Amino acid sequence: MPQHVIQRGNNRQMCFQDPADRGAYLAFLSKYRKEHEVDIHAWVLMDNHTHLLVTPRKDDSLSRFMKALGQRYAQYFNFKYERTGTLWEGRFKSCLVDTESYFLQCQRYIELNPVKAGMVDNPEDYRWSSYLYHAYGLRAKWHTPHDCYLNYQPDPDLRQASYRSFVASSPPPGTDDLIFYTAISGKALGTETFREEMNTRYGV
């Protein structure tokens, strides 16, 4: 089941100083998603935190993947900048995502982070997110487009154009706040029926 994952720098410190750092993070992400069987659907690398939208294939895949990714990148970062100590703010935050109602809303939320933060005017101007892969057809070996995106339109060109229009449109009122709240709190993101089902099955 898809999960929205947030990992923040300790005390909101910078985790990425230059493009090489973001490139290294994506290289480690590519390595460990294969090793720990996690599909990466969407991502954004901000200055002091990351968002991922992923589907782990096994019960413990996500925790093993995030531990390996976080530790390896912290080793790289500490060595490069001659520092010691913790890079990340404790354990990552995550929540289950209702695919039918909220998957694409969550994906849009992730890819619009740089725009909302005032880093760029348009999502296509930010290189370190999955927007260019969904909106213009870029490809990466670590990217696994989700069926919710692939089924949006059968034709790739129409799908990309429709997705650009979707991202440019306004989400339903309160959606962004709900996505942020559920990710931070660990509650399931979805309809009331979905939340009740997840509570019954997983205690979430």
Protein backbone atom coordinates (compact mmCIF):
# COMPACT_ATOMS: atom_id res chain seq x y z
CA MET A 1 0.00 0.00 0.00
CA PRO A 2 1.37 3.46 -0.86
CA GLN A 3 2.81 5.58 1.91
CA HIS A 4 3.71 9.26 2.11
CA VAL A 5 7.07 9.59 3.85
CA ILE A 6 8.71 12.72 5.27
CA GLN A 7 12.25 12.86 6.62
CA ARG A 8 13.54 16.11 8.13
CA GLY A 9 16.95 17.38 9.02
CA ASN A 10 17.72 17.54 12.74
CA ASN A 11 16.56 20.92 14.07
CA ARG A 12 15.57 21.63 10.46
CA GLN A 13 19.21 21.92 9.47
CA MET A 14 20.25 21.85 5.81
CA CYS A 15 20.55 18.32 4.41
CA PHE A 16 21.55 19.34 0.88
CA GLN A 17 24.18 22.00 0.24
CA ASP A 18 24.62 21.63 -3.52
CA PRO A 19 23.40 19.62 -6.55
CA ALA A 20 26.01 16.92 -5.90
CA ASP A 21 24.38 16.19 -2.54
CA ARG A 22 20.98 15.73 -4.11
CA GLY A 23 22.51 13.55 -6.81
CA ALA A 24 24.16 11.39 -4.16
CA TYR A 25 20.88 11.03 -2.28
CA LEU A 26 19.08 9.87 -5.41
CA ALA A 27 21.88 7.41 -6.18
CA PHE A 28 21.53 5.88 -2.72
CA LEU A 29 17.74 5.92 -3.08
CA SER A 30 18.03 4.00 -6.33
CA LYS A 31 20.34 1.44 -4.79
CA TYR A 32 18.37 0.75 -1.64
CA ARG A 33 14.89 0.80 -3.17
CA LYS A 34 15.97 -2.19 -5.26
CA GLU A 35 17.74 -3.93 -2.37
CA HIS A 36 14.80 -3.51 0.01
CA GLU A 37 11.98 -3.85 -2.52
CA VAL A 38 10.35 -0.43 -2.41
CA ASP A 39 8.69 1.23 -5.43
CA ILE A 40 9.33 4.97 -5.66
CA HIS A 41 6.37 6.83 -7.20
CA ALA A 42 7.10 10.49 -6.36
CA TRP A 43 9.72 12.56 -4.55
CA VAL A 44 11.01 16.01 -3.80
CA LEU A 45 14.33 16.95 -2.20
CA MET A 46 13.98 20.25 -0.37
CA ASP A 47 16.85 22.00 1.42
CA ASN A 48 16.15 20.54 4.85
CA HIS A 49 13.75 17.66 4.28
CA THR A 50 12.48 15.13 1.76
CA HIS A 51 9.09 13.81 0.70
CA LEU A 52 8.63 10.39 -0.86
CA LEU A 53 5.54 8.57 -2.11
CA VAL A 54 6.38 4.87 -2.10
CA THR A 55 4.93 1.38 -2.01
CA PRO A 56 6.88 -1.19 0.04
CA ARG A 57 6.50 -4.74 -1.23
CA LYS A 58 7.01 -6.39 2.17
CA ASP A 59 5.91 -5.54 5.70
CA ASP A 60 9.37 -4.40 6.80
CA SER A 61 10.57 -3.01 3.45
CA LEU A 62 9.94 0.66 4.23
CA SER A 63 11.70 0.72 7.60
CA ARG A 64 14.73 -1.15 6.22
CA PHE A 65 14.85 1.08 3.15
CA MET A 66 14.65 4.35 5.09
CA LYS A 67 17.23 3.18 7.63
CA ALA A 68 19.72 2.22 4.91
CA LEU A 69 19.08 5.38 2.88
CA GLY A 70 19.28 7.70 5.88
CA GLN A 71 22.42 6.15 7.33
CA ARG A 72 24.31 5.98 4.05
CA TYR A 73 23.49 9.54 3.08
CA ALA A 74 24.41 10.81 6.57
CA GLN A 75 27.80 9.09 6.24
CA TYR A 76 28.34 10.76 2.88
CA PHE A 77 27.23 14.17 4.17
CA ASN A 78 29.31 14.06 7.38
CA PHE A 79 32.44 12.99 5.53
CA LYS A 80 32.04 15.62 2.82
CA TYR A 81 31.46 18.50 5.23
CA GLU A 82 33.76 17.24 8.00
CA ARG A 83 31.03 17.08 10.58
CA THR A 84 29.82 14.55 13.15
CA GLY A 85 26.54 13.77 14.82
CA THR A 86 22.97 13.29 13.74
CA LEU A 87 21.78 14.56 10.40
CA TRP A 88 18.14 13.45 10.52
CA GLU A 89 15.46 14.35 13.04
CA GLY A 90 14.70 10.95 14.55
CA ARG A 91 12.57 8.42 12.73
CA PHE A 92 10.87 9.34 9.48
CA LYS A 93 7.16 10.21 9.44
CA SER A 94 4.76 8.25 7.25
CA CYS A 95 1.12 7.52 6.57
CA LEU A 96 -0.91 5.11 4.44
CA VAL A 97 -2.53 6.65 1.35
CA ASP A 98 -5.95 5.85 -0.07
CA THR A 99 -5.17 5.38 -3.76
CA GLU A 100 -8.67 5.92 -5.12
CA SER A 101 -9.28 9.28 -3.45
CA TYR A 102 -5.94 10.75 -2.46
CA PHE A 103 -2.96 9.28 -4.32
CA LEU A 104 -2.72 11.91 -7.07
CA GLN A 105 -3.60 14.66 -4.59
CA CYS A 106 -0.65 13.56 -2.47
CA GLN A 107 1.64 13.31 -5.48
CA ARG A 108 0.70 16.85 -6.54
CA TYR A 109 1.26 18.10 -2.97
CA ILE A 110 4.78 16.64 -2.99
CA GLU A 111 5.73 18.06 -6.37
CA LEU A 112 4.42 21.54 -5.55
CA ASN A 113 6.53 21.86 -2.40
CA PRO A 114 9.25 23.97 -4.10
CA VAL A 115 6.61 26.36 -5.46
CA LYS A 116 4.91 26.76 -2.08
CA ALA A 117 8.31 27.35 -0.47
CA GLY A 118 9.03 30.16 -2.94
CA MET A 119 12.05 28.39 -4.41
CA VAL A 120 10.64 28.46 -7.97
CA ASP A 121 7.62 29.93 -9.72
CA ASN A 122 6.66 26.74 -11.56
CA PRO A 123 7.14 23.06 -10.66
CA GLU A 124 8.96 22.35 -13.95
CA ASP A 125 11.68 24.79 -12.86
CA TYR A 126 12.71 22.52 -9.98
CA ARG A 127 14.98 19.69 -11.03
CA TRP A 128 14.84 17.67 -7.81
CA SER A 129 11.27 16.43 -7.83
CA SER A 130 9.29 13.87 -9.78
CA TYR A 131 7.20 16.50 -11.57
CA LEU A 132 9.22 16.47 -14.79
CA TYR A 133 8.87 12.67 -14.92
CA HIS A 134 5.08 12.79 -14.69
CA ALA A 135 4.43 16.00 -16.60
CA TYR A 136 7.00 15.68 -19.42
CA GLY A 137 7.97 12.02 -19.59
CA LEU A 138 11.48 12.06 -18.12
CA ARG A 139 12.68 8.65 -16.98
CA ALA A 140 14.82 7.34 -14.15
CA LYS A 141 15.67 3.80 -13.14
CA TRP A 142 14.42 4.39 -9.59
CA HIS A 143 11.00 5.69 -10.74
CA THR A 144 7.97 3.40 -10.77
CA PRO A 145 4.90 5.34 -11.93
CA HIS A 146 1.84 4.28 -9.96
CA ASP A 147 -1.24 2.83 -11.66
CA CYS A 148 -3.26 5.83 -10.45
CA TYR A 149 -1.05 7.99 -12.67
CA LEU A 150 -0.77 5.52 -15.56
CA ASN A 151 -4.54 5.07 -15.69
CA TYR A 152 -5.15 8.83 -15.70
CA GLN A 153 -4.99 8.72 -19.51
CA PRO A 154 -4.04 5.71 -21.71
CA ASP A 155 -1.97 7.76 -24.16
CA PRO A 156 1.35 9.02 -22.67
CA ASP A 157 1.20 12.45 -24.35
CA LEU A 158 -2.40 13.02 -23.28
CA ARG A 159 -1.56 11.72 -19.79
CA GLN A 160 1.29 14.19 -19.38
CA ALA A 161 -0.81 17.10 -20.65
CA SER A 162 -3.70 16.15 -18.39
CA TYR A 163 -1.36 15.82 -15.45
CA ARG A 164 0.08 19.29 -16.06
CA SER A 165 -3.45 20.67 -15.98
CA PHE A 166 -4.24 18.71 -12.83
CA VAL A 167 -1.20 20.07 -10.99
CA ALA A 168 -2.00 23.60 -12.12
CA SER A 169 -5.55 23.33 -10.74
CA SER A 170 -6.45 24.05 -7.12
CA PRO A 171 -6.97 21.10 -4.76
CA PRO A 172 -10.23 20.79 -2.83
CA PRO A 173 -10.27 23.10 0.22
CA GLY A 174 -8.36 21.67 3.18
CA THR A 175 -6.67 18.91 1.16
CA ASP A 176 -3.10 20.17 1.58
CA ASP A 177 -3.55 20.66 5.33
CA LEU A 178 -4.97 17.14 5.61
CA ILE A 179 -2.05 15.63 3.66
CA PHE A 180 0.47 17.38 5.90
CA TYR A 181 -1.37 16.50 9.12
CA THR A 182 -1.77 12.81 8.33
CA ALA A 183 1.89 12.44 7.33
CA ILE A 184 3.14 14.10 10.52
CA SER A 185 0.69 12.30 12.80
CA GLY A 186 0.89 8.89 11.13
CA LYS A 187 -2.87 8.73 10.54
CA ALA A 188 -4.19 7.21 7.32
CA LEU A 189 -4.88 9.62 4.43
CA GLY A 190 -8.21 8.82 2.84
CA THR A 191 -11.96 8.67 3.18
CA GLU A 192 -13.64 7.85 6.48
CA THR A 193 -14.31 4.31 5.25
CA PHE A 194 -10.63 3.90 4.32
CA ARG A 195 -9.47 5.23 7.70
CA GLU A 196 -11.79 2.85 9.54
CA GLU A 197 -10.51 -0.07 7.48
CA MET A 198 -6.87 0.85 8.15
CA ASN A 199 -7.62 1.19 11.84
CA THR A 200 -9.15 -2.27 11.88
CA ARG A 201 -6.35 -3.88 9.86
CA TYR A 202 -3.29 -2.04 11.14
CA GLY A 203 -4.31 0.01 14.16
CA VAL A 204 -3.62 3.21 12.21
